[in-house]
Amino acid sequence: MTEFFPPTFMTPHALDDVIDWIRSLPLDSVDRKELLMDWASIVGVSLSGEDVLRAIPELREEEGRR
């Protein structure tokens, strides 16, 4: 899985850059969330709900519809 991430993202300090990158990918929200969670697992980062929503803003809209 690590081959999907640029080498500069393989550190916990890259969270903001990873969020920007994930946000820009032409993937649906489920795939982007899975990619973000995989990155967090690989580098050992605990993501907050706000981190996930920053990376995938449309999830906030989906939550509002439930």
Protein backbone atom coordinates (compact mmCIF):
# COMPACT_ATOMS: atom_id res chain seq x y z
CA MET A 1 0.00 0.00 0.00
CA THR A 2 2.86 2.40 0.70
CA GLU A 3 3.54 2.67 -3.04
CA PHE A 4 0.41 4.82 -3.38
CA PHE A 5 1.79 7.55 -1.15
CA PRO A 6 4.53 9.97 -2.14
CA PRO A 7 7.65 9.35 -0.01
CA THR A 8 7.38 12.77 1.61
CA PHE A 9 4.03 11.70 3.10
CA MET A 10 5.47 8.78 5.03
CA THR A 11 5.74 10.71 8.29
CA PRO A 12 3.09 11.74 10.84
CA HIS A 13 4.14 15.37 10.35
CA ALA A 14 2.77 15.27 6.79
CA LEU A 15 -0.86 15.16 7.95
CA ASP A 16 -1.83 18.55 6.49
CA ASP A 17 -0.18 17.74 3.15
CA VAL A 18 -1.85 14.33 3.05
CA ILE A 19 -5.24 15.93 3.75
CA ASP A 20 -4.73 18.39 0.88
CA TRP A 21 -3.62 15.58 -1.42
CA ILE A 22 -6.52 13.29 -0.49
CA ARG A 23 -8.97 16.15 -1.02
CA SER A 24 -7.66 16.70 -4.56
CA LEU A 25 -7.88 13.10 -5.73
CA PRO A 26 -10.56 12.24 -8.31
CA LEU A 27 -11.98 9.43 -6.16
CA ASP A 28 -15.30 9.00 -4.45
CA SER A 29 -15.56 9.77 -0.75
CA VAL A 30 -15.44 6.11 0.33
CA ASP A 31 -12.18 5.47 -1.53
CA ARG A 32 -10.59 8.69 -0.28
CA LYS A 33 -11.53 7.84 3.30
CA GLU A 34 -10.08 4.35 2.94
CA LEU A 35 -6.85 5.81 1.55
CA LEU A 36 -6.63 8.30 4.41
CA MET A 37 -7.24 5.59 7.00
CA ASP A 38 -4.62 3.36 5.37
CA TRP A 39 -2.07 6.19 5.48
CA ALA A 40 -2.84 6.84 9.14
CA SER A 41 -2.37 3.17 9.95
CA ILE A 42 0.91 2.94 8.06
CA VAL A 43 2.52 5.99 9.69
CA GLY A 44 0.88 5.56 13.09
CA VAL A 45 -1.34 8.63 13.20
CA SER A 46 -4.60 8.81 15.16
CA LEU A 47 -7.02 10.82 13.07
CA SER A 48 -9.78 12.91 14.58
CA GLY A 49 -13.19 13.16 13.01
CA GLU A 50 -12.31 16.71 12.03
CA ASP A 51 -9.19 15.46 10.20
CA VAL A 52 -11.37 13.12 8.15
CA LEU A 53 -13.88 15.87 7.40
CA ARG A 54 -11.10 18.24 6.33
CA ALA A 55 -9.89 15.64 3.84
CA ILE A 56 -13.36 14.63 2.66
CA PRO A 57 -15.68 17.62 3.15
CA GLU A 58 -18.64 15.95 1.45
CA LEU A 59 -18.87 13.55 4.38
CA ARG A 60 -20.10 16.48 6.46
CA GLU A 61 -22.97 16.93 3.98
CA GLU A 62 -23.72 13.20 4.03
CA GLU A 63 -23.85 13.25 7.85
CA GLY A 64 -26.37 16.09 7.68
CA ARG A 65 -28.71 14.00 5.56
CA ARG A 66 -28.90 11.14 8.05
